[in-house]
Amino acid sequence: MATKAALPSADPQLLGAISKATPESLHHVQTDVKNPLPSKEDLRQEKDHENLIHNLEEFDPTNLHHTSTKERKILPDTNTIAQEKTEQELMSGIEGFDAGKLKPTETQEKNPLPDPSAITAEKAERYRKQSIEDFNKKKLKRANTEEKNTLPDADAINLEKQEVEKIQEIEGFKKDSLKHTEPTVKNVLPDQDTLDAEKKEQELKDGVTNFNRNSLKKTTTEEKNALPSSRDIAEEKAAK
C-alpha cells in the first residue's frame, strides 16, 4: 500500500482553481453509452464460414472421381532451337579464343589528391568535432524550468458564459414569434430632367461621330510679329 509521502502532489494553483469553481461555470456533457452488436451482414458471414468449415470436416473423399494424369513432352520450337544454337556457338568461340591475338596494354594507376578547398573544409570539420568533444560543460549556467498552468480569469469565464448563452438562445429560438412581412420591390425610373440630359449627351456624341469634315471652310492663318512703336521705344528709354 502506497504511503502518503509516496503519493504525487498536485499543483496548489490547480487545487485553488478547482475549489473556487462554481457549478454555473461548468458545461453540460451528455454521455452516450454504446453497446456495439454485430450487424446482420456480420452474422450471415460468420454463419457461412461455420457451414464451410463443417462441410470440409464431414467431406467424404470416396465421392471423388478417379482421373488419369497425362504426361506431355513439349518439344522446343524453331526459335528456341536457333537461340540455343547461337548460345552454343558463342560458348565455343569463347572457349577456343586465342589469347595471343590480344595487344599488350599498360595500366595507369591514378591517385587523385584532394584540392586545397577540400583540405580546408576537412580541417574545419575536424576542428568543429574536436571542439564539441572537448567542450567544458562546467561553463554552462544552471537554468530552472518553471511549469505554468494558466487558468482563465473571471472576465474570460464570463465572456465564455455569455457566448454559450447566446448560442443556446439562437438554438432555442422559436420561429413562430416572427411576423410575416411582404417585401416591396422598387424599380426607380429616371425623371424627365435626367432623360433630357441623357438625350442631349447622346445627340452630342452622335454629332461628333457623324461630323462631316467637308462642311468646314478653309481658313488662312496669318502670323503677326508686333514691333513696338516709336512712342513705346521713347517711353522705355525714359523709364531707364
Protein backbone atom coordinates (compact mmCIF):
# COMPACT_ATOMS: atom_id res chain seq x y z
CA MET A 1 0.00 0.00 0.00
CA ALA A 2 1.38 3.43 -1.01
CA THR A 3 2.14 5.80 1.84
CA LYS A 4 1.09 9.43 1.92
CA ALA A 5 4.62 10.59 1.14
CA ALA A 6 4.76 8.35 -1.97
CA LEU A 7 1.59 9.83 -3.50
CA PRO A 8 2.13 12.51 -6.17
CA SER A 9 1.45 16.08 -5.05
CA ALA A 10 -0.99 18.23 -7.05
CA ASP A 11 -0.37 21.79 -8.18
CA PRO A 12 -1.62 24.24 -5.45
CA GLN A 13 -2.85 26.69 -8.12
CA LEU A 14 -4.87 23.91 -9.79
CA LEU A 15 -6.38 22.86 -6.44
CA GLY A 16 -7.25 26.51 -5.67
CA ALA A 17 -8.95 26.96 -9.04
CA ILE A 18 -10.96 23.73 -8.54
CA SER A 19 -12.09 24.84 -5.06
CA LYS A 20 -13.20 28.26 -6.37
CA ALA A 21 -15.09 26.83 -9.37
CA THR A 22 -18.88 27.13 -9.33
CA PRO A 23 -21.44 24.78 -10.95
CA GLU A 24 -22.52 27.64 -13.27
CA SER A 25 -19.10 27.71 -14.93
CA LEU A 26 -19.28 24.00 -15.86
CA HIS A 27 -20.52 22.84 -19.27
CA HIS A 28 -23.22 20.22 -19.57
CA VAL A 29 -21.97 16.99 -21.16
CA GLN A 30 -24.22 14.16 -22.26
CA THR A 31 -22.70 10.68 -22.05
CA ASP A 32 -23.63 8.20 -24.77
CA VAL A 33 -23.47 4.54 -23.76
CA LYS A 34 -22.81 2.34 -26.75
CA ASN A 35 -23.11 -1.44 -26.91
CA PRO A 36 -21.97 -2.37 -30.43
CA LEU A 37 -23.68 -5.57 -31.57
CA PRO A 38 -22.78 -7.41 -34.78
CA SER A 39 -24.83 -6.46 -37.81
CA LYS A 40 -26.99 -8.77 -39.89
CA GLU A 41 -24.28 -8.98 -42.53
CA ASP A 42 -21.64 -9.98 -39.94
CA LEU A 43 -23.90 -12.74 -38.58
CA ARG A 44 -24.54 -14.05 -42.10
CA GLN A 45 -20.81 -14.13 -42.95
CA GLU A 46 -19.98 -15.91 -39.68
CA LYS A 47 -22.70 -18.48 -40.32
CA ASP A 48 -21.45 -19.12 -43.89
CA HIS A 49 -17.90 -19.57 -42.56
CA GLU A 50 -19.06 -22.12 -39.96
CA ASN A 51 -21.04 -24.02 -42.62
CA LEU A 52 -17.98 -24.13 -44.88
CA ILE A 53 -15.76 -25.50 -42.10
CA HIS A 54 -18.42 -28.04 -41.17
CA ASN A 55 -18.72 -29.25 -44.81
CA LEU A 56 -14.94 -29.60 -45.11
CA GLU A 57 -14.74 -31.65 -41.90
CA GLU A 58 -17.55 -34.03 -42.99
CA PHE A 59 -16.43 -34.31 -46.64
CA ASP A 60 -16.27 -37.91 -47.94
CA PRO A 61 -13.21 -38.49 -50.21
CA THR A 62 -14.94 -41.55 -51.75
CA ASN A 63 -17.21 -39.20 -53.70
CA LEU A 64 -14.25 -38.05 -55.81
CA HIS A 65 -13.81 -39.44 -59.36
CA HIS A 66 -10.58 -41.12 -60.43
CA THR A 67 -8.58 -39.21 -63.03
CA SER A 68 -5.52 -40.22 -65.02
CA THR A 69 -2.60 -37.83 -65.40
CA LYS A 70 -1.27 -37.42 -68.92
CA GLU A 71 2.39 -36.51 -69.29
CA ARG A 72 3.27 -34.48 -72.34
CA LYS A 73 6.74 -33.94 -73.74
CA ILE A 74 6.85 -30.49 -75.24
CA LEU A 75 9.48 -30.10 -77.96
CA PRO A 76 11.20 -26.74 -78.49
CA ASP A 77 10.11 -24.65 -81.46
CA THR A 78 12.35 -23.28 -84.24
CA ASN A 79 13.15 -20.01 -82.41
CA THR A 80 14.24 -21.82 -79.25
CA ILE A 81 16.48 -24.19 -81.25
CA ALA A 82 18.09 -21.25 -83.11
CA GLN A 83 18.69 -19.38 -79.84
CA GLU A 84 20.31 -22.45 -78.22
CA LYS A 85 22.48 -22.92 -81.31
CA THR A 86 23.65 -19.30 -81.17
CA GLU A 87 24.50 -19.61 -77.47
CA GLN A 88 26.42 -22.84 -78.13
CA GLU A 89 28.46 -21.20 -80.91
CA LEU A 90 29.20 -18.25 -78.66
CA MET A 91 30.42 -20.52 -75.85
CA SER A 92 32.59 -22.47 -78.33
CA GLY A 93 34.10 -19.20 -79.62
CA ILE A 94 34.95 -18.11 -76.07
CA GLU A 95 36.50 -21.46 -75.15
CA GLY A 96 38.60 -21.63 -78.37
CA PHE A 97 39.69 -17.97 -78.29
CA ASP A 98 43.41 -17.39 -78.94
CA ALA A 99 44.81 -15.12 -76.24
CA GLY A 100 47.90 -14.44 -78.37
CA LYS A 101 45.83 -12.12 -80.60
CA LEU A 102 45.40 -9.62 -77.76
CA LYS A 103 47.53 -6.45 -77.78
CA PRO A 104 49.56 -5.56 -74.67
CA THR A 105 48.30 -2.54 -72.72
CA GLU A 106 49.77 -0.57 -69.84
CA THR A 107 47.67 0.05 -66.77
CA GLN A 108 47.94 3.55 -65.34
CA GLU A 109 47.26 3.91 -61.64
CA LYS A 110 45.91 7.28 -60.58
CA ASN A 111 45.85 8.57 -57.02
CA PRO A 112 43.73 11.77 -57.09
CA LEU A 113 44.65 14.04 -54.19
CA PRO A 114 42.10 16.50 -52.74
CA ASP A 115 42.35 20.15 -53.76
CA PRO A 116 43.13 22.94 -51.21
CA SER A 117 39.44 23.82 -50.71
CA ALA A 118 38.59 20.20 -49.82
CA ILE A 119 41.55 20.07 -47.38
CA THR A 120 40.44 23.36 -45.74
CA ALA A 121 36.86 22.12 -45.39
CA GLU A 122 38.03 18.84 -43.88
CA LYS A 123 40.24 20.70 -41.36
CA ALA A 124 37.34 22.96 -40.36
CA GLU A 125 35.04 19.94 -39.89
CA ARG A 126 37.66 18.16 -37.81
CA TYR A 127 38.19 21.26 -35.65
CA ARG A 128 34.43 21.61 -35.11
CA LYS A 129 34.10 17.99 -34.00
CA GLN A 130 37.10 18.32 -31.70
CA SER A 131 35.62 21.49 -30.14
CA ILE A 132 32.35 19.68 -29.46
CA GLU A 133 34.11 16.69 -27.89
CA ASP A 134 36.36 18.90 -25.70
CA PHE A 135 33.58 21.27 -24.63
CA ASN A 136 33.60 22.02 -20.90
CA LYS A 137 30.10 21.54 -19.51
CA LYS A 138 31.05 23.44 -16.36
CA LYS A 139 30.84 26.70 -18.31
CA LEU A 140 27.08 26.24 -18.72
CA LYS A 141 24.78 28.14 -16.36
CA ARG A 142 22.09 26.35 -14.43
CA ALA A 143 18.54 27.08 -15.54
CA ASN A 144 15.36 26.24 -13.66
CA THR A 145 12.29 25.16 -15.62
CA GLU A 146 9.05 26.72 -14.43
CA GLU A 147 5.82 24.89 -15.24
CA LYS A 148 2.85 27.22 -15.57
CA ASN A 149 -0.77 26.14 -15.67
CA THR A 150 -2.61 29.24 -16.87
CA LEU A 151 -6.25 29.22 -15.84
CA PRO A 152 -8.80 31.59 -17.39
CA ASP A 153 -9.60 34.71 -15.37
CA ALA A 154 -13.07 35.89 -14.34
CA ASP A 155 -13.50 38.05 -17.48
CA ALA A 156 -12.70 35.14 -19.80
CA ILE A 157 -15.13 32.85 -17.91
CA ASN A 158 -17.91 35.46 -18.08
CA LEU A 159 -17.26 36.05 -21.77
CA GLU A 160 -17.41 32.33 -22.50
CA LYS A 161 -20.59 32.05 -20.42
CA GLN A 162 -22.23 34.85 -22.40
CA GLU A 163 -21.18 33.19 -25.65
CA VAL A 164 -22.75 29.88 -24.55
CA GLU A 165 -25.97 31.68 -23.53
CA LYS A 166 -26.15 33.38 -26.94
CA ILE A 167 -25.70 30.07 -28.72
CA GLN A 168 -28.41 28.46 -26.58
CA GLU A 169 -30.77 31.36 -27.31
CA ILE A 170 -30.14 31.02 -31.04
CA GLU A 171 -30.63 27.25 -30.96
CA GLY A 172 -33.83 27.53 -28.90
CA PHE A 173 -35.28 30.46 -30.89
CA LYS A 174 -38.91 29.92 -31.91
CA LYS A 175 -39.72 30.88 -35.49
CA ASP A 176 -43.43 31.18 -34.60
CA SER A 177 -42.72 34.52 -32.88
CA LEU A 178 -41.68 36.12 -36.16
CA LYS A 179 -44.14 38.34 -38.03
CA HIS A 180 -44.89 37.90 -41.70
CA THR A 181 -43.68 40.73 -43.92
CA GLU A 182 -44.18 41.36 -47.60
CA PRO A 183 -41.08 42.51 -49.49
CA THR A 184 -41.51 45.65 -51.59
CA VAL A 185 -39.69 45.62 -54.90
CA LYS A 186 -38.84 49.12 -56.15
CA ASN A 187 -37.89 49.93 -59.72
CA VAL A 188 -36.58 53.51 -59.67
CA LEU A 189 -37.05 55.15 -63.08
CA PRO A 190 -35.17 58.33 -64.10
CA ASP A 191 -37.09 61.63 -64.07
CA GLN A 192 -37.68 63.92 -67.06
CA ASP A 193 -34.58 66.08 -66.41
CA THR A 194 -32.33 63.03 -66.36
CA LEU A 195 -33.87 61.74 -69.60
CA ASP A 196 -33.39 65.15 -71.29
CA ALA A 197 -29.74 65.32 -70.14
CA GLU A 198 -29.04 61.80 -71.43
CA LYS A 199 -30.77 62.61 -74.73
CA LYS A 200 -28.67 65.77 -75.22
CA GLU A 201 -25.48 63.89 -74.38
CA GLN A 202 -26.36 61.15 -76.88
CA GLU A 203 -27.14 63.74 -79.59
CA LEU A 204 -23.80 65.45 -78.91
CA LYS A 205 -21.95 62.12 -79.23
CA ASP A 206 -23.79 61.29 -82.45
CA GLY A 207 -22.98 64.77 -83.84
CA VAL A 208 -19.27 64.33 -83.10
CA THR A 209 -19.21 60.80 -84.50
CA ASN A 210 -21.09 61.64 -87.73
CA PHE A 211 -19.45 65.07 -88.29
CA ASN A 212 -18.68 65.83 -91.95
CA ARG A 213 -15.29 67.45 -92.35
CA ASN A 214 -16.15 68.59 -95.86
CA SER A 215 -18.54 71.16 -94.41
CA LEU A 216 -15.63 73.07 -92.86
CA LYS A 217 -14.47 76.29 -94.59
CA LYS A 218 -10.85 76.77 -95.50
CA THR A 219 -9.03 79.40 -93.47
CA THR A 220 -5.61 81.02 -93.77
CA THR A 221 -3.51 81.54 -90.69
CA GLU A 222 -1.64 84.85 -90.52
CA GLU A 223 1.43 85.15 -88.32
CA LYS A 224 1.94 88.63 -86.85
CA ASN A 225 5.17 89.94 -85.31
CA ALA A 226 4.10 93.13 -83.47
CA LEU A 227 7.02 95.60 -83.22
CA PRO A 228 6.98 98.43 -80.65
CA SER A 229 6.07 101.86 -81.90
CA SER A 230 8.32 105.00 -81.63
CA ARG A 231 6.33 106.15 -78.64
CA ASP A 232 6.79 102.83 -76.85
CA ILE A 233 10.57 102.98 -77.51
CA ALA A 234 10.76 106.56 -76.20
CA GLU A 235 8.81 105.67 -73.04
CA GLU A 236 11.04 102.64 -72.42
CA LYS A 237 14.22 104.81 -72.78
CA ALA A 238 12.76 107.47 -70.45
CA ALA A 239 12.00 104.79 -67.89
CA LYS A 240 15.66 103.67 -67.91
